[in-house]
Amino acid sequence: MYAVIEVAGKQFSVEKGSKIRTEKIEREANDLFSVEKVLLINDGQKVQIGQPYLNGVDVKARVICHGKGAKIVGMKYKNKTNYRRKYGHRQLFTALQIEEIKL
């Protein structure tokens, strides 16, 4: 059984026990919550597609941890003027584990 859910503006295909990394959401570590935005669910026999979301489907997710992603380094450069600027960015993320999917 798998489902397509929407968390923090992005869509993820998840199964029970799968781990995903989303944009940072305001939840405490080890917090269990329900994802309301379920777009699609496949239980092996039939596929249900929401218009845009499904009602009555419960996907439980647990917050594993919060962190920062890998550093992205950018550079600005202008020819013949000795202009160089280097900048970096680390995106915040939240790691989630899917506990269960209920119809």
N, C-alpha and C. Protein backbone atom coordinates (compact mmCIF):
# COMPACT_ATOMS: atom_id res chain seq x y z
N MET A 1 0.84 -1.18 0.00
CA MET A 1 0.00 0.00 0.00
C MET A 1 0.88 1.24 0.00
N TYR A 2 0.56 2.19 -0.87
CA TYR A 2 1.28 3.44 -0.87
C TYR A 2 0.31 4.60 -1.09
N ALA A 3 0.78 5.80 -0.76
CA ALA A 3 -0.04 6.99 -0.90
C ALA A 3 0.83 8.13 -1.42
N VAL A 4 0.18 9.10 -2.03
CA VAL A 4 0.84 10.34 -2.43
C VAL A 4 0.28 11.43 -1.53
N ILE A 5 1.18 12.06 -0.76
CA ILE A 5 0.75 13.08 0.18
C ILE A 5 1.41 14.42 -0.16
N GLU A 6 0.84 15.48 0.38
CA GLU A 6 1.41 16.81 0.21
C GLU A 6 1.78 17.35 1.59
N VAL A 7 3.08 17.65 1.75
CA VAL A 7 3.59 18.20 3.01
C VAL A 7 4.46 19.39 2.66
N ALA A 8 4.21 20.53 3.29
CA ALA A 8 4.99 21.75 3.11
C ALA A 8 5.08 22.17 1.64
N GLY A 9 3.98 21.97 0.91
CA GLY A 9 3.92 22.43 -0.47
C GLY A 9 4.55 21.51 -1.50
N LYS A 10 5.04 20.34 -1.07
CA LYS A 10 5.65 19.39 -2.01
C LYS A 10 4.94 18.04 -1.89
N GLN A 11 4.96 17.28 -2.98
CA GLN A 11 4.28 15.98 -3.00
C GLN A 11 5.30 14.86 -2.87
N PHE A 12 4.92 13.82 -2.09
CA PHE A 12 5.79 12.68 -1.84
C PHE A 12 4.99 11.39 -1.98
N SER A 13 5.60 10.38 -2.59
CA SER A 13 5.03 9.04 -2.63
C SER A 13 5.59 8.28 -1.44
N VAL A 14 4.71 7.80 -0.55
CA VAL A 14 5.15 7.19 0.70
C VAL A 14 4.51 5.83 0.91
N GLU A 15 5.20 4.99 1.66
CA GLU A 15 4.70 3.71 2.14
C GLU A 15 4.89 3.67 3.64
N LYS A 16 4.35 2.65 4.29
CA LYS A 16 4.55 2.51 5.73
C LYS A 16 6.03 2.25 5.99
N GLY A 17 6.62 3.02 6.90
CA GLY A 17 8.02 2.87 7.24
C GLY A 17 8.98 3.71 6.42
N SER A 18 8.50 4.39 5.37
CA SER A 18 9.40 5.18 4.54
C SER A 18 9.76 6.49 5.25
N LYS A 19 10.94 7.01 4.91
CA LYS A 19 11.44 8.25 5.49
C LYS A 19 11.56 9.28 4.39
N ILE A 20 11.14 10.52 4.69
CA ILE A 20 11.22 11.61 3.72
C ILE A 20 11.81 12.84 4.40
N ARG A 21 12.37 13.74 3.59
CA ARG A 21 12.89 15.02 4.07
C ARG A 21 12.10 16.13 3.41
N THR A 22 11.45 16.96 4.22
CA THR A 22 10.64 18.05 3.72
C THR A 22 11.26 19.38 4.12
N GLU A 23 10.65 20.46 3.64
CA GLU A 23 11.01 21.77 4.14
C GLU A 23 10.70 21.79 5.64
N LYS A 24 11.34 22.70 6.37
CA LYS A 24 11.17 22.73 7.82
C LYS A 24 9.71 23.03 8.18
N ILE A 25 9.14 22.20 9.06
CA ILE A 25 7.81 22.43 9.59
C ILE A 25 7.91 22.61 11.10
N GLU A 26 6.99 23.36 11.66
CA GLU A 26 7.04 23.70 13.07
C GLU A 26 6.40 22.61 13.92
N ARG A 27 7.12 21.55 14.16
CA ARG A 27 6.72 20.46 15.04
C ARG A 27 7.91 20.07 15.90
N GLU A 28 7.64 19.54 17.07
CA GLU A 28 8.72 19.08 17.95
C GLU A 28 9.22 17.72 17.47
N ALA A 29 10.46 17.39 17.84
CA ALA A 29 11.02 16.08 17.51
C ALA A 29 10.22 14.99 18.22
N ASN A 30 10.02 13.86 17.56
CA ASN A 30 9.28 12.70 18.04
C ASN A 30 7.78 12.98 18.16
N ASP A 31 7.28 14.01 17.49
CA ASP A 31 5.87 14.36 17.50
C ASP A 31 5.15 13.55 16.42
N LEU A 32 4.02 12.94 16.78
CA LEU A 32 3.21 12.17 15.83
C LEU A 32 2.05 13.06 15.37
N PHE A 33 1.86 13.17 14.06
CA PHE A 33 0.77 13.99 13.54
C PHE A 33 0.16 13.34 12.31
N SER A 34 -1.02 13.82 11.95
CA SER A 34 -1.75 13.29 10.81
C SER A 34 -1.61 14.22 9.62
N VAL A 35 -1.37 13.67 8.45
CA VAL A 35 -1.28 14.45 7.22
C VAL A 35 -2.67 14.47 6.58
N GLU A 36 -3.23 15.67 6.43
CA GLU A 36 -4.58 15.80 5.90
C GLU A 36 -4.63 15.79 4.38
N LYS A 37 -3.57 16.22 3.74
CA LYS A 37 -3.57 16.37 2.29
C LYS A 37 -3.07 15.09 1.61
N VAL A 38 -3.99 14.15 1.40
CA VAL A 38 -3.69 12.89 0.72
C VAL A 38 -4.27 12.99 -0.68
N LEU A 39 -3.41 12.87 -1.68
CA LEU A 39 -3.83 13.05 -3.07
C LEU A 39 -4.26 11.74 -3.74
N LEU A 40 -3.59 10.64 -3.38
CA LEU A 40 -3.83 9.36 -4.04
C LEU A 40 -3.51 8.26 -3.06
N ILE A 41 -4.23 7.15 -3.15
CA ILE A 41 -3.90 5.98 -2.34
C ILE A 41 -4.13 4.73 -3.18
N ASN A 42 -3.20 3.78 -3.06
CA ASN A 42 -3.27 2.51 -3.78
C ASN A 42 -3.12 1.41 -2.73
N ASP A 43 -4.17 0.60 -2.55
CA ASP A 43 -4.12 -0.48 -1.56
C ASP A 43 -3.82 -1.83 -2.17
N GLY A 44 -3.40 -1.88 -3.43
CA GLY A 44 -3.08 -3.14 -4.08
C GLY A 44 -4.18 -3.65 -4.98
N GLN A 45 -5.44 -3.30 -4.68
CA GLN A 45 -6.55 -3.75 -5.50
C GLN A 45 -7.20 -2.60 -6.27
N LYS A 46 -7.32 -1.44 -5.61
CA LYS A 46 -7.91 -0.31 -6.31
C LYS A 46 -7.16 0.96 -5.96
N VAL A 47 -7.26 1.92 -6.86
CA VAL A 47 -6.59 3.20 -6.71
C VAL A 47 -7.66 4.27 -6.51
N GLN A 48 -7.50 5.07 -5.46
CA GLN A 48 -8.40 6.19 -5.21
C GLN A 48 -7.65 7.49 -5.46
N ILE A 49 -8.25 8.36 -6.24
CA ILE A 49 -7.64 9.64 -6.58
C ILE A 49 -8.54 10.75 -6.06
N GLY A 50 -7.96 11.70 -5.33
CA GLY A 50 -8.72 12.80 -4.76
C GLY A 50 -8.97 13.91 -5.76
N GLN A 51 -9.96 14.76 -5.43
CA GLN A 51 -10.32 15.87 -6.31
C GLN A 51 -10.31 17.17 -5.53
N PRO A 52 -9.30 17.77 -5.03
CA PRO A 52 -7.89 17.40 -5.13
C PRO A 52 -7.42 16.46 -4.01
N TYR A 53 -8.16 16.41 -2.86
CA TYR A 53 -7.71 15.57 -1.74
C TYR A 53 -8.76 14.52 -1.41
N LEU A 54 -8.31 13.44 -0.77
CA LEU A 54 -9.21 12.37 -0.35
C LEU A 54 -9.71 12.64 1.07
N ASN A 55 -10.98 12.32 1.32
CA ASN A 55 -11.54 12.42 2.66
C ASN A 55 -11.57 11.05 3.31
N GLY A 56 -11.34 10.99 4.60
CA GLY A 56 -11.42 9.73 5.34
C GLY A 56 -10.17 8.88 5.29
N VAL A 57 -9.11 9.36 4.68
CA VAL A 57 -7.85 8.62 4.64
C VAL A 57 -6.91 9.24 5.67
N ASP A 58 -6.27 8.39 6.46
CA ASP A 58 -5.44 8.86 7.56
C ASP A 58 -4.00 8.38 7.36
N VAL A 59 -3.08 9.33 7.21
CA VAL A 59 -1.65 9.02 7.10
C VAL A 59 -0.96 9.63 8.31
N LYS A 60 -0.38 8.79 9.16
CA LYS A 60 0.31 9.25 10.36
C LYS A 60 1.81 9.33 10.09
N ALA A 61 2.40 10.46 10.49
CA ALA A 61 3.84 10.68 10.30
C ALA A 61 4.45 11.10 11.63
N ARG A 62 5.71 10.70 11.85
CA ARG A 62 6.44 11.06 13.06
C ARG A 62 7.65 11.90 12.67
N VAL A 63 7.88 12.98 13.40
CA VAL A 63 9.03 13.84 13.17
C VAL A 63 10.26 13.16 13.77
N ILE A 64 11.25 12.87 12.93
CA ILE A 64 12.48 12.24 13.41
C ILE A 64 13.42 13.30 13.95
N CYS A 65 13.73 14.30 13.13
CA CYS A 65 14.66 15.35 13.56
C CYS A 65 14.55 16.55 12.63
N HIS A 66 15.18 17.63 13.04
CA HIS A 66 15.33 18.83 12.22
C HIS A 66 16.81 18.99 11.93
N GLY A 67 17.15 19.64 10.83
CA GLY A 67 18.57 19.83 10.51
C GLY A 67 18.76 20.79 9.35
N LYS A 68 20.01 20.86 8.91
CA LYS A 68 20.37 21.68 7.76
C LYS A 68 20.93 20.77 6.67
N GLY A 69 20.61 21.09 5.44
CA GLY A 69 21.08 20.31 4.31
C GLY A 69 22.53 20.64 3.96
N ALA A 70 22.98 20.09 2.88
CA ALA A 70 24.35 20.34 2.42
C ALA A 70 24.49 21.79 1.97
N LYS A 71 25.70 22.31 2.08
CA LYS A 71 25.94 23.70 1.73
C LYS A 71 25.96 23.87 0.21
N ILE A 72 25.26 24.90 -0.25
CA ILE A 72 25.25 25.26 -1.65
C ILE A 72 26.07 26.54 -1.78
N VAL A 73 27.10 26.51 -2.61
CA VAL A 73 28.00 27.65 -2.76
C VAL A 73 27.69 28.32 -4.09
N GLY A 74 27.51 29.64 -4.05
CA GLY A 74 27.26 30.42 -5.25
C GLY A 74 28.35 31.45 -5.43
N MET A 75 28.46 31.96 -6.65
CA MET A 75 29.52 32.91 -6.95
C MET A 75 28.99 33.96 -7.91
N LYS A 76 29.33 35.24 -7.64
CA LYS A 76 29.06 36.32 -8.58
C LYS A 76 30.41 36.78 -9.11
N TYR A 77 30.46 37.08 -10.40
CA TYR A 77 31.72 37.46 -11.02
C TYR A 77 31.43 38.42 -12.17
N LYS A 78 32.21 39.50 -12.24
CA LYS A 78 32.13 40.41 -13.38
C LYS A 78 33.51 40.52 -13.99
N ASN A 79 33.53 40.39 -15.28
CA ASN A 79 34.78 40.37 -16.03
C ASN A 79 35.46 41.75 -16.01
N LYS A 80 36.76 41.77 -15.87
CA LYS A 80 37.63 42.95 -16.01
C LYS A 80 37.42 44.03 -14.95
N THR A 81 36.67 43.77 -13.89
CA THR A 81 36.44 44.80 -12.88
C THR A 81 36.88 44.37 -11.49
N ASN A 82 37.47 43.20 -11.35
CA ASN A 82 37.92 42.66 -10.07
C ASN A 82 36.76 42.54 -9.08
N TYR A 83 35.59 42.13 -9.58
CA TYR A 83 34.42 41.97 -8.72
C TYR A 83 34.13 40.48 -8.57
N ARG A 84 34.26 39.97 -7.35
CA ARG A 84 33.98 38.56 -7.05
C ARG A 84 33.28 38.50 -5.70
N ARG A 85 32.15 37.78 -5.63
CA ARG A 85 31.45 37.58 -4.37
C ARG A 85 31.07 36.12 -4.26
N LYS A 86 31.40 35.54 -3.12
CA LYS A 86 31.08 34.14 -2.86
C LYS A 86 30.06 34.10 -1.73
N TYR A 87 29.04 33.28 -1.90
CA TYR A 87 28.02 33.17 -0.85
C TYR A 87 27.63 31.71 -0.71
N GLY A 88 27.08 31.37 0.44
CA GLY A 88 26.66 30.00 0.70
C GLY A 88 25.29 29.98 1.35
N HIS A 89 24.63 28.82 1.29
CA HIS A 89 23.30 28.67 1.86
C HIS A 89 23.12 27.22 2.28
N ARG A 90 22.50 27.02 3.45
CA ARG A 90 22.13 25.69 3.92
C ARG A 90 20.64 25.70 4.22
N GLN A 91 19.87 24.89 3.51
CA GLN A 91 18.42 24.85 3.66
C GLN A 91 18.03 24.03 4.88
N LEU A 92 17.09 24.54 5.67
CA LEU A 92 16.58 23.81 6.83
C LEU A 92 15.62 22.72 6.35
N PHE A 93 15.62 21.57 7.04
CA PHE A 93 14.73 20.48 6.67
C PHE A 93 14.17 19.81 7.92
N THR A 94 13.11 19.03 7.72
CA THR A 94 12.54 18.18 8.75
C THR A 94 12.47 16.77 8.19
N ALA A 95 12.99 15.80 8.93
CA ALA A 95 12.94 14.40 8.51
C ALA A 95 11.69 13.76 9.13
N LEU A 96 10.91 13.08 8.30
CA LEU A 96 9.67 12.43 8.74
C LEU A 96 9.73 10.94 8.46
N GLN A 97 9.08 10.16 9.33
CA GLN A 97 8.91 8.73 9.08
C GLN A 97 7.42 8.44 9.07
N ILE A 98 6.95 7.71 8.06
CA ILE A 98 5.54 7.38 7.94
C ILE A 98 5.25 6.17 8.82
N GLU A 99 4.35 6.36 9.78
CA GLU A 99 4.01 5.29 10.74
C GLU A 99 2.93 4.36 10.21
N GLU A 100 1.85 4.91 9.66
CA GLU A 100 0.78 4.06 9.13
C GLU A 100 -0.09 4.81 8.13
N ILE A 101 -0.74 4.02 7.27
CA ILE A 101 -1.67 4.54 6.28
C ILE A 101 -2.98 3.79 6.50
N LYS A 102 -4.04 4.52 6.82
CA LYS A 102 -5.35 3.91 7.08
C LYS A 102 -6.38 4.43 6.10
N LEU A 103 -7.23 3.54 5.61
CA LEU A 103 -8.34 3.95 4.75
C LEU A 103 -9.52 4.38 5.58
